[in-house]
Amino acid sequence: MNDLFRARLEQIINLKHELVALAAKIDWDWLDGEIAPLYSDKGRPGVETRFVLGLLLLKHIFTLSDEGVCERWVYDPYFQYFTGEEFFQHAFPHERSDLSHWRKRLGDKLDLLLAESLRVAHASGALRTKDLERVTVDTTVQPKAITFPTDAKLVHAAIRGLNRLAGKHGVRLRQSYLRIAKRAAMMAGRYAHAKQFNRHNRQLRLLRTRLGRLIRDIGRKIAGHTDLEAAFAWPLSCASQIRSQQRRQRGWKLYSFHAPEVECIAKGKASAPYEFGVKVSIVTTNARAPGGQFVLHAKALPGNPYDGHTLAATIQATERLTGCAIERGHVDKGYRGHDTPNPRRIFISGQKRGVFGIIKRELRRRSAIEAVIGHMKTDGHLGRCHLKGRRGDAANAILTAAGYNFRLILSWLRALLYLILIALLGDFKRQPAFKTAS
C-alpha cells in the first residue's frame, strides 16, 4: 500500500538514456545463473546479484571508489535503475563492505563481466565478429597504492606495523621506539635531500638497530604461545627482510610492509624507469571496431614473467573468453622468443620477413594499444590499484577492462540516439506544415 505514494524511477528518468539502454541489454539472469554455484541454499539470503554487479560496473565505468559509488547511488536515479531498483530510494540499503566481500567471493568469475561487455558490444553493433580474429597483445604495469620505497620509510613502516600488531594482540613491549623512529625517518629524508649522506646513513643505522631490538623483544614475548607465533610469523619475517636487505642486492626484495606482493618492474620508460606494482597483460582488437577498440582480455601476471613466456596462455584465454579463434596476433619486440603453438601467426614489431600488404598495415596499428592502456590508466583504475593482495590486483585489472568496454558501449548508444533524433528531425522538417492550395 505504501508503494502507491512512492516515486517510481520510470516516471522521473529519461527512458532513452544510455544507462537505461545498457541495463536492458545486459543479461542479468545469465550472470545470476553463473554466479549461483558460489552460494549456499542455507542461511540468510545474500544481496541481489544485479545490485552488487551493477555497483561494480558503475564504479569502474565512472572511475569511482567504493565509497564514492555508494554515495552517488543515493542521489542518482539512473544508478538506482541500473542496479534493479523500481522505486527511488533515499538511503543506501546495504553495507559498503558488501563490494569487498563480493570481489573476494567472485574471484575468477569476474571474467564473466568482461565476457558480457563483449557480448553486449556485439549485440549492439559496436563490435563485429571479424574484429575478434586479429588482436594486439601488450603488457603494462599496474602500480600499487604505495609511496616510493626508500630504506628509511620501509624500516619506519615496519616499526609502526609491529607496534600496531603488538597492541592488537596484547603483547607488552619493553619500548616502542615510535617517537625515536619518527624523528629518525624525518631526518634521514632531510639529509638525503641535502646530499649529506653520512648523516643520512647514521639515521638509517639507528632505525635498523631499533627495528632489530623490536623484533627480538617480540620474539621473546611470544615464545611458547602457538597462536601468537602464528600471528606474528609473517610480519616478523617481513620486518627481518626489510632490516637486512641492501639497496643494490640481487634477488627478492620487499618494497612495502603492508603490501608485500609489490614488485619492482622496469619497462624502459624515461619518465618512470621503475614502477612498483604487478605486470598486467592486455589484449585488444587490432582494427578499430565501429564502437572503438575493445579490450578482449586482461590478466595480472604476478612474478614479473618474461612477456614471451605468457603469450601462449594469453591467446588461449582470449579465445576461450571470446569464443573466436585468433587468426593473427601483433606484439612488440618484448615478445621475441615467445612460446605460441603457431609462431607464424604472431607478428613482431620491426619484423620484415612475411610482412606485406594488409599484415604490414595491421602491424603499424599495433601501437594503438598504447592509447587504450593510457585510457585505462587515466579514465579507469589501472593507474593505481587500491585493492589488497594479489587477488585485488587480479580483480582490479579485469574490472578496469570491463569498465573501459562499457564506457565505449555507452558512447556508442549515445551516438545511436543522436543519429535517430537527427533522422526524426530531418523527416519532420521535410514535411510541410500546410498543404499548398491547388
Protein backbone atom coordinates (compact mmCIF):
# COMPACT_ATOMS: atom_id res chain seq x y z
CA MET A 1 0.00 0.00 0.00
CA ASN A 2 2.87 2.37 0.74
CA ASP A 3 4.19 1.91 -2.81
CA LEU A 4 1.24 3.98 -4.04
CA PHE A 5 2.85 7.15 -2.66
CA ARG A 6 6.45 6.38 -3.68
CA ALA A 7 8.12 7.75 -6.78
CA ARG A 8 8.67 5.18 -9.50
CA LEU A 9 12.00 5.54 -11.24
CA GLU A 10 10.43 5.10 -14.67
CA GLN A 11 8.44 8.29 -14.07
CA ILE A 12 11.40 10.51 -13.11
CA ILE A 13 14.15 9.40 -15.52
CA ASN A 14 14.64 9.60 -19.27
CA LEU A 15 13.99 6.08 -20.56
CA LYS A 16 16.11 6.84 -23.64
CA HIS A 17 19.20 7.50 -21.52
CA GLU A 18 22.23 5.35 -22.42
CA LEU A 19 22.43 3.82 -18.92
CA VAL A 20 18.80 2.70 -19.21
CA ALA A 21 19.51 1.19 -22.64
CA LEU A 22 22.64 -0.55 -21.31
CA ALA A 23 20.73 -2.01 -18.35
CA ALA A 24 18.21 -3.51 -20.77
CA LYS A 25 20.94 -5.11 -22.91
CA ILE A 26 22.87 -6.80 -20.09
CA ASP A 27 21.72 -10.38 -19.44
CA TRP A 28 21.37 -10.19 -15.64
CA ASP A 29 19.69 -13.61 -15.44
CA TRP A 30 22.64 -15.30 -17.15
CA LEU A 31 25.09 -13.62 -14.78
CA ASP A 32 22.96 -14.69 -11.81
CA GLY A 33 22.92 -18.28 -13.05
CA GLU A 34 26.69 -18.37 -13.49
CA ILE A 35 27.32 -16.98 -10.01
CA ALA A 36 24.67 -19.12 -8.26
CA PRO A 37 27.05 -22.09 -7.58
CA LEU A 38 29.15 -19.82 -5.35
CA TYR A 39 26.30 -19.51 -2.84
CA SER A 40 24.59 -21.91 -0.48
CA ASP A 41 20.86 -22.54 -0.22
CA LYS A 42 21.07 -22.34 3.57
CA GLY A 43 21.37 -19.31 5.79
CA ARG A 44 20.36 -15.73 5.27
CA PRO A 45 19.66 -14.68 1.65
CA GLY A 46 22.53 -12.80 0.04
CA VAL A 47 22.48 -9.42 -1.65
CA GLU A 48 20.85 -9.40 -5.08
CA THR A 49 23.28 -10.27 -7.85
CA ARG A 50 22.20 -7.41 -10.09
CA PHE A 51 22.61 -4.88 -7.28
CA VAL A 52 26.26 -5.69 -6.49
CA LEU A 53 27.35 -6.41 -10.07
CA GLY A 54 25.69 -3.19 -11.17
CA LEU A 55 27.56 -1.26 -8.48
CA LEU A 56 30.87 -2.84 -9.51
CA LEU A 57 30.26 -1.91 -13.14
CA LEU A 58 29.20 1.65 -12.28
CA LYS A 59 32.28 2.07 -10.12
CA HIS A 60 34.63 1.19 -12.98
CA ILE A 61 32.60 2.90 -15.71
CA PHE A 62 32.68 6.25 -13.91
CA THR A 63 36.01 5.71 -12.07
CA LEU A 64 34.65 5.97 -8.54
CA SER A 65 35.78 4.47 -5.25
CA ASP A 66 33.67 2.00 -3.28
CA GLU A 67 32.52 4.80 -1.01
CA GLY A 68 32.01 7.17 -3.95
CA VAL A 69 29.73 4.85 -5.92
CA CYS A 70 27.62 4.16 -2.81
CA GLU A 71 27.25 7.89 -2.11
CA ARG A 72 26.33 8.69 -5.70
CA TRP A 73 23.81 5.83 -5.80
CA VAL A 74 21.70 7.60 -3.15
CA TYR A 75 21.02 10.72 -5.22
CA ASP A 76 21.38 9.40 -8.80
CA PRO A 77 18.15 7.75 -10.04
CA TYR A 78 19.94 6.33 -13.10
CA PHE A 79 22.35 4.44 -10.83
CA GLN A 80 19.40 3.05 -8.88
CA TYR A 81 17.60 1.97 -12.04
CA PHE A 82 20.78 0.31 -13.36
CA THR A 83 21.05 -1.80 -10.20
CA GLY A 84 17.46 -3.03 -10.49
CA GLU A 85 15.55 -0.71 -8.17
CA GLU A 86 11.89 0.01 -9.00
CA PHE A 87 11.25 2.93 -6.62
CA PHE A 88 13.53 5.82 -5.71
CA GLN A 89 15.47 5.08 -2.51
CA HIS A 90 16.60 7.77 -0.07
CA ALA A 91 19.17 5.63 1.78
CA PHE A 92 21.73 3.03 0.73
CA PRO A 93 20.13 -0.34 1.55
CA HIS A 94 23.31 -2.35 2.16
CA GLU A 95 26.83 -2.04 3.58
CA ARG A 96 29.72 -0.66 1.59
CA SER A 97 31.79 -3.71 2.61
CA ASP A 98 29.50 -5.92 0.51
CA LEU A 99 31.50 -4.85 -2.55
CA SER A 100 34.72 -6.14 -0.98
CA HIS A 101 33.11 -9.43 0.05
CA TRP A 102 31.69 -9.95 -3.45
CA ARG A 103 35.02 -9.26 -5.14
CA LYS A 104 36.69 -11.88 -2.95
CA ARG A 105 33.95 -14.41 -3.50
CA LEU A 106 33.72 -13.98 -7.26
CA GLY A 107 37.45 -14.45 -7.86
CA ASP A 108 37.92 -15.97 -11.33
CA LYS A 109 34.22 -15.44 -12.11
CA LEU A 110 34.94 -11.73 -12.70
CA ASP A 111 35.79 -12.72 -16.27
CA LEU A 112 32.04 -13.04 -16.76
CA LEU A 113 31.67 -9.25 -16.65
CA LEU A 114 34.34 -8.82 -19.34
CA ALA A 115 32.68 -11.50 -21.48
CA GLU A 116 29.29 -9.84 -21.01
CA SER A 117 30.71 -6.48 -22.10
CA LEU A 118 31.90 -8.08 -25.36
CA ARG A 119 28.52 -9.78 -25.89
CA VAL A 120 26.64 -6.51 -25.36
CA ALA A 121 29.02 -4.70 -27.73
CA HIS A 122 28.45 -7.36 -30.38
CA ALA A 123 24.68 -7.31 -29.90
CA SER A 124 24.52 -3.52 -30.20
CA GLY A 125 26.66 -3.45 -33.35
CA ALA A 126 29.69 -1.80 -31.76
CA LEU A 127 31.85 -4.94 -32.21
CA ARG A 128 31.92 -7.32 -35.17
CA THR A 129 32.93 -10.97 -35.22
CA LYS A 130 35.77 -10.34 -37.67
CA ASP A 131 37.27 -7.81 -35.25
CA LEU A 132 37.95 -10.67 -32.79
CA GLU A 133 40.15 -12.60 -35.22
CA ARG A 134 43.10 -10.17 -35.31
CA VAL A 135 44.36 -8.88 -31.99
CA THR A 136 47.14 -6.86 -30.41
CA VAL A 137 48.81 -8.03 -27.19
CA ASP A 138 50.92 -5.95 -24.83
CA THR A 139 51.84 -5.72 -21.16
CA THR A 140 51.88 -2.79 -18.77
CA VAL A 141 52.40 -2.16 -15.07
CA GLN A 142 49.50 -1.72 -12.66
CA PRO A 143 51.06 0.36 -9.86
CA LYS A 144 50.10 -0.36 -6.28
CA ALA A 145 48.95 2.33 -3.85
CA ILE A 146 52.32 2.72 -2.10
CA THR A 147 54.83 5.54 -1.83
CA PHE A 148 58.27 5.34 -3.38
CA PRO A 149 60.09 2.77 -1.20
CA THR A 150 63.15 4.30 0.45
CA ASP A 151 65.06 2.34 3.10
CA ALA A 152 64.19 4.79 5.89
CA LYS A 153 60.46 4.75 5.08
CA LEU A 154 60.40 0.96 4.88
CA VAL A 155 62.12 0.49 8.26
CA HIS A 156 59.85 3.12 9.84
CA ALA A 157 56.77 1.39 8.40
CA ALA A 158 57.96 -1.96 9.81
CA ILE A 159 58.38 -0.44 13.29
CA ARG A 160 54.90 1.07 13.19
CA GLY A 161 53.39 -2.14 11.82
CA LEU A 162 54.91 -4.31 14.54
CA ASN A 163 53.76 -1.89 17.25
CA ARG A 164 50.24 -1.89 15.81
CA LEU A 165 50.16 -5.70 15.72
CA ALA A 166 51.55 -5.96 19.27
CA GLY A 167 48.83 -3.65 20.56
CA LYS A 168 46.18 -5.67 18.75
CA HIS A 169 47.28 -8.95 20.36
CA GLY A 170 48.05 -7.51 23.79
CA VAL A 171 51.84 -8.00 23.69
CA ARG A 172 53.54 -5.51 26.04
CA LEU A 173 56.81 -4.23 24.57
CA ARG A 174 59.79 -3.12 26.54
CA GLN A 175 59.97 0.02 24.39
CA SER A 176 58.03 1.01 21.28
CA TYR A 177 60.64 3.32 19.65
CA LEU A 178 57.82 5.14 17.84
CA ARG A 179 58.94 8.63 18.78
CA ILE A 180 62.62 7.95 18.02
CA ALA A 181 61.82 6.20 14.73
CA LYS A 182 59.58 9.02 13.55
CA ARG A 183 62.26 11.64 14.07
CA ALA A 184 65.00 9.45 12.56
CA ALA A 185 62.94 8.79 9.41
CA MET A 186 62.20 12.51 9.06
CA MET A 187 65.87 13.49 9.48
CA ALA A 188 67.01 10.74 7.09
CA GLY A 189 64.80 12.21 4.37
CA ARG A 190 66.14 15.72 5.03
CA TYR A 191 69.79 14.62 4.99
CA ALA A 192 69.28 12.67 1.76
CA HIS A 193 67.65 15.70 0.14
CA ALA A 194 70.62 17.85 1.20
CA LYS A 195 73.04 15.16 -0.09
CA GLN A 196 74.54 14.76 3.39
CA PHE A 197 74.80 11.01 3.06
CA ASN A 198 77.00 10.32 6.09
CA ARG A 199 74.35 11.81 8.35
CA HIS A 200 71.64 10.02 6.36
CA ASN A 201 73.36 6.66 6.87
CA ARG A 202 73.70 7.36 10.59
CA GLN A 203 69.94 7.83 10.93
CA LEU A 204 69.34 4.72 8.84
CA ARG A 205 71.57 2.65 11.10
CA LEU A 206 69.66 3.99 14.10
CA LEU A 207 66.36 2.88 12.54
CA ARG A 208 67.66 -0.60 11.72
CA THR A 209 69.06 -1.01 15.24
CA ARG A 210 65.69 -0.12 16.80
CA LEU A 211 63.86 -2.45 14.44
CA GLY A 212 66.20 -5.30 15.40
CA ARG A 213 65.56 -4.65 19.09
CA LEU A 214 61.82 -4.68 18.46
CA ILE A 215 61.98 -7.97 16.55
CA ARG A 216 63.97 -9.66 19.31
CA ASP A 217 61.70 -8.27 22.04
CA ILE A 218 58.55 -9.58 20.32
CA GLY A 219 60.24 -12.93 19.72
CA ARG A 220 60.95 -13.31 23.45
CA LYS A 221 57.42 -12.27 24.48
CA ILE A 222 55.58 -14.66 22.12
CA ALA A 223 57.85 -17.70 22.66
CA GLY A 224 55.78 -20.70 23.67
CA HIS A 225 52.44 -19.19 22.60
CA THR A 226 51.38 -21.04 19.47
CA ASP A 227 48.60 -18.65 18.46
CA LEU A 228 50.82 -15.56 18.85
CA GLU A 229 53.70 -17.20 16.99
CA ALA A 230 51.37 -17.96 14.08
CA ALA A 231 50.01 -14.38 14.07
CA PHE A 232 53.48 -12.79 14.15
CA ALA A 233 55.28 -15.24 11.82
CA TRP A 234 54.76 -13.36 8.55
CA PRO A 235 55.07 -9.78 9.92
CA LEU A 236 58.33 -10.68 11.71
CA SER A 237 59.63 -12.32 8.54
CA CYS A 238 58.84 -9.16 6.54
CA ALA A 239 60.43 -6.93 9.19
CA SER A 240 63.59 -9.06 9.21
CA GLN A 241 63.77 -8.88 5.41
CA ILE A 242 63.39 -5.08 5.45
CA ARG A 243 66.08 -4.75 8.12
CA SER A 244 68.62 -6.92 6.30
CA GLN A 245 68.10 -6.00 2.63
CA GLN A 246 70.50 -3.62 0.95
CA ARG A 247 69.96 -1.11 -1.82
CA ARG A 248 71.70 -2.89 -4.69
CA GLN A 249 71.31 -6.51 -3.64
CA ARG A 250 70.13 -9.06 -6.18
CA GLY A 251 67.18 -11.36 -5.67
CA TRP A 252 63.86 -10.85 -3.97
CA LYS A 253 63.30 -7.58 -2.10
CA LEU A 254 60.42 -6.21 -0.09
CA TYR A 255 59.09 -2.82 -1.23
CA SER A 256 56.13 -2.37 1.11
CA PHE A 257 55.34 -3.66 4.59
CA HIS A 258 51.55 -3.58 4.12
CA ALA A 259 51.64 -4.85 0.50
CA PRO A 260 54.43 -7.46 0.29
CA GLU A 261 53.23 -8.62 -3.15
CA VAL A 262 54.57 -5.43 -4.80
CA GLU A 263 57.27 -5.99 -7.42
CA CYS A 264 59.80 -3.60 -8.96
CA ILE A 265 59.31 -3.62 -12.74
CA ALA A 266 61.47 -1.77 -15.28
CA LYS A 267 59.71 -1.13 -18.61
CA GLY A 268 62.37 1.11 -20.13
CA LYS A 269 60.42 4.36 -19.80
CA ALA A 270 62.33 7.61 -19.45
CA SER A 271 59.59 9.12 -17.28
CA ALA A 272 59.30 6.09 -14.97
CA PRO A 273 62.43 3.88 -15.02
CA TYR A 274 60.99 1.71 -12.23
CA GLU A 275 57.36 1.07 -11.33
CA PHE A 276 56.11 -0.73 -8.25
CA GLY A 277 53.12 -2.99 -8.72
CA VAL A 278 52.27 -6.00 -10.88
CA LYS A 279 52.56 -6.71 -14.59
CA VAL A 280 49.25 -6.90 -16.49
CA SER A 281 48.62 -8.43 -19.92
CA ILE A 282 46.15 -6.58 -22.19
CA VAL A 283 44.61 -7.91 -25.43
CA THR A 284 42.69 -5.57 -27.76
CA THR A 285 41.25 -5.69 -31.24
CA ASN A 286 43.81 -4.71 -33.84
CA ALA A 287 41.42 -2.82 -36.12
CA ARG A 288 39.14 -0.19 -34.71
CA ALA A 289 35.67 -1.68 -34.40
CA PRO A 290 32.64 0.55 -35.13
CA GLY A 291 32.34 1.34 -31.43
CA GLY A 292 36.06 1.71 -30.73
CA GLN A 293 38.99 -0.50 -29.81
CA PHE A 294 37.69 -3.01 -27.26
CA VAL A 295 39.69 -4.92 -24.63
CA LEU A 296 39.28 -8.66 -25.18
CA HIS A 297 41.29 -9.95 -22.23
CA ALA A 298 43.09 -8.61 -19.17
CA LYS A 299 45.03 -10.54 -16.55
CA ALA A 300 47.50 -9.74 -13.80
CA LEU A 301 50.84 -11.58 -14.12
CA PRO A 302 52.47 -11.85 -10.67
CA GLY A 303 56.15 -12.71 -10.50
CA ASN A 304 57.15 -10.34 -13.35
CA PRO A 305 57.41 -13.10 -16.01
CA TYR A 306 59.02 -12.58 -19.40
CA ASP A 307 56.43 -11.35 -21.89
CA GLY A 308 57.15 -14.07 -24.44
CA HIS A 309 56.54 -16.83 -21.91
CA THR A 310 53.00 -15.58 -21.26
CA LEU A 311 51.80 -15.16 -24.86
CA ALA A 312 50.52 -18.72 -25.45
CA ALA A 313 48.40 -18.75 -22.27
CA THR A 314 47.10 -15.25 -23.03
CA ILE A 315 45.95 -16.20 -26.55
CA GLN A 316 44.27 -19.38 -25.29
CA ALA A 317 42.44 -17.44 -22.56
CA THR A 318 41.33 -14.81 -25.09
CA GLU A 319 39.94 -17.44 -27.46
CA ARG A 320 38.11 -19.11 -24.58
CA LEU A 321 36.63 -15.77 -23.47
CA THR A 322 35.53 -14.58 -26.92
CA GLY A 323 34.68 -17.97 -28.45
CA CYS A 324 36.52 -16.98 -31.63
CA ALA A 325 39.83 -18.36 -32.93
CA ILE A 326 42.59 -15.76 -33.33
CA GLU A 327 43.88 -15.60 -36.88
CA ARG A 328 46.75 -13.14 -36.34
CA GLY A 329 48.37 -11.52 -33.33
CA HIS A 330 50.60 -8.44 -33.24
CA VAL A 331 53.10 -7.79 -30.44
CA ASP A 332 56.12 -5.63 -29.70
CA LYS A 333 59.78 -6.68 -29.50
CA GLY A 334 59.42 -7.70 -25.87
CA TYR A 335 57.74 -10.91 -27.06
CA ARG A 336 60.70 -12.24 -29.07
CA GLY A 337 61.19 -15.94 -28.37
CA HIS A 338 57.52 -16.46 -27.49
CA ASP A 339 56.02 -19.89 -26.83
CA THR A 340 52.90 -19.91 -29.01
CA PRO A 341 51.99 -23.19 -30.79
CA ASN A 342 51.69 -21.40 -34.16
CA PRO A 343 54.51 -18.80 -34.19
CA ARG A 344 53.95 -17.85 -37.84
CA ARG A 345 50.62 -16.26 -36.89
CA ILE A 346 52.35 -13.86 -34.48
CA PHE A 347 53.97 -10.76 -35.99
CA ILE A 348 56.53 -8.76 -34.02
CA SER A 349 57.11 -5.03 -34.37
CA GLY A 350 60.04 -4.38 -36.71
CA GLN A 351 59.70 -7.76 -38.40
CA LYS A 352 60.44 -7.78 -42.14
CA ARG A 353 60.05 -11.40 -43.23
CA GLY A 354 56.49 -12.28 -44.19
CA VAL A 355 55.19 -8.74 -43.61
CA PHE A 356 53.40 -7.30 -46.64
CA GLY A 357 50.06 -5.86 -47.67
CA ILE A 358 47.36 -5.93 -45.03
CA ILE A 359 49.71 -7.51 -42.46
CA LYS A 360 52.01 -4.50 -42.77
CA ARG A 361 49.09 -2.15 -42.14
CA GLU A 362 47.93 -4.20 -39.16
CA LEU A 363 51.43 -4.20 -37.68
CA ARG A 364 51.51 -0.41 -37.94
CA ARG A 365 48.30 -0.35 -35.92
CA ARG A 366 49.92 -2.32 -33.11
CA SER A 367 50.90 0.88 -31.30
CA ALA A 368 47.20 1.82 -30.97
CA ILE A 369 47.07 -0.41 -27.90
CA GLU A 370 49.21 2.16 -26.06
CA ALA A 371 46.34 4.66 -26.24
CA VAL A 372 43.94 2.04 -24.86
CA ILE A 373 46.28 1.35 -21.92
CA GLY A 374 46.59 5.09 -21.35
CA HIS A 375 42.80 5.48 -21.17
CA MET A 376 42.54 2.52 -18.79
CA LYS A 377 45.04 4.23 -16.51
CA THR A 378 43.74 7.80 -16.66
CA ASP A 379 39.99 7.13 -17.07
CA GLY A 380 39.98 3.85 -15.12
CA HIS A 381 41.60 2.30 -12.06
CA LEU A 382 44.57 0.68 -13.82
CA GLY A 383 46.81 3.63 -12.96
CA ARG A 384 46.71 2.83 -9.22
CA CYS A 385 45.38 -0.29 -7.52
CA HIS A 386 43.93 0.24 -4.05
CA LEU A 387 42.70 -3.35 -3.58
CA LYS A 388 44.52 -5.68 -1.21
CA GLY A 389 46.77 -8.58 -2.18
CA ARG A 390 47.28 -10.46 -5.41
CA ARG A 391 43.57 -11.21 -5.62
CA GLY A 392 42.92 -7.48 -5.52
CA ASP A 393 45.43 -6.93 -8.33
CA ALA A 394 43.69 -9.55 -10.50
CA ALA A 395 40.20 -8.20 -9.78
CA ASN A 396 41.20 -4.59 -10.47
CA ALA A 397 42.70 -5.46 -13.87
CA ILE A 398 39.60 -7.37 -15.06
CA LEU A 399 37.08 -4.85 -13.74
CA THR A 400 39.01 -1.95 -15.27
CA ALA A 401 38.90 -3.67 -18.66
CA ALA A 402 35.15 -4.30 -18.30
CA GLY A 403 34.57 -0.67 -17.28
CA TYR A 404 36.54 0.53 -20.31
CA ASN A 405 34.43 -1.61 -22.66
CA PHE A 406 31.17 -0.43 -21.11
CA ARG A 407 32.28 3.20 -21.49
CA LEU A 408 32.73 2.57 -25.22
CA ILE A 409 29.29 0.93 -25.36
CA LEU A 410 27.68 3.90 -23.60
CA SER A 411 29.30 6.27 -26.12
CA TRP A 412 28.04 4.04 -28.94
CA LEU A 413 24.48 4.02 -27.59
CA ARG A 414 24.60 7.79 -27.09
CA ALA A 415 25.73 8.28 -30.69
CA LEU A 416 22.97 5.99 -31.99
CA LEU A 417 20.38 8.02 -30.08
CA TYR A 418 21.70 11.25 -31.61
CA LEU A 419 21.52 9.75 -35.11
CA ILE A 420 17.93 8.63 -34.55
CA LEU A 421 16.93 12.08 -33.26
CA ILE A 422 18.63 13.79 -36.21
CA ALA A 423 16.82 11.50 -38.65
CA LEU A 424 13.46 12.19 -36.98
CA LEU A 425 14.06 15.94 -37.02
CA GLY A 426 15.05 15.77 -40.68
CA ASP A 427 11.83 13.98 -41.60
CA PHE A 428 9.84 16.47 -39.56
CA LYS A 429 11.40 19.42 -41.36
CA ARG A 430 10.81 17.92 -44.78
CA GLN A 431 7.07 17.56 -44.18
CA PRO A 432 5.23 20.86 -44.90
CA ALA A 433 3.03 22.25 -42.13
CA PHE A 434 0.17 23.10 -44.51
CA LYS A 435 -0.93 21.77 -47.85
CA THR A 436 -0.46 24.14 -50.77
CA ALA A 437 -3.57 25.43 -52.49
CA SER A 438 -4.32 23.78 -55.84
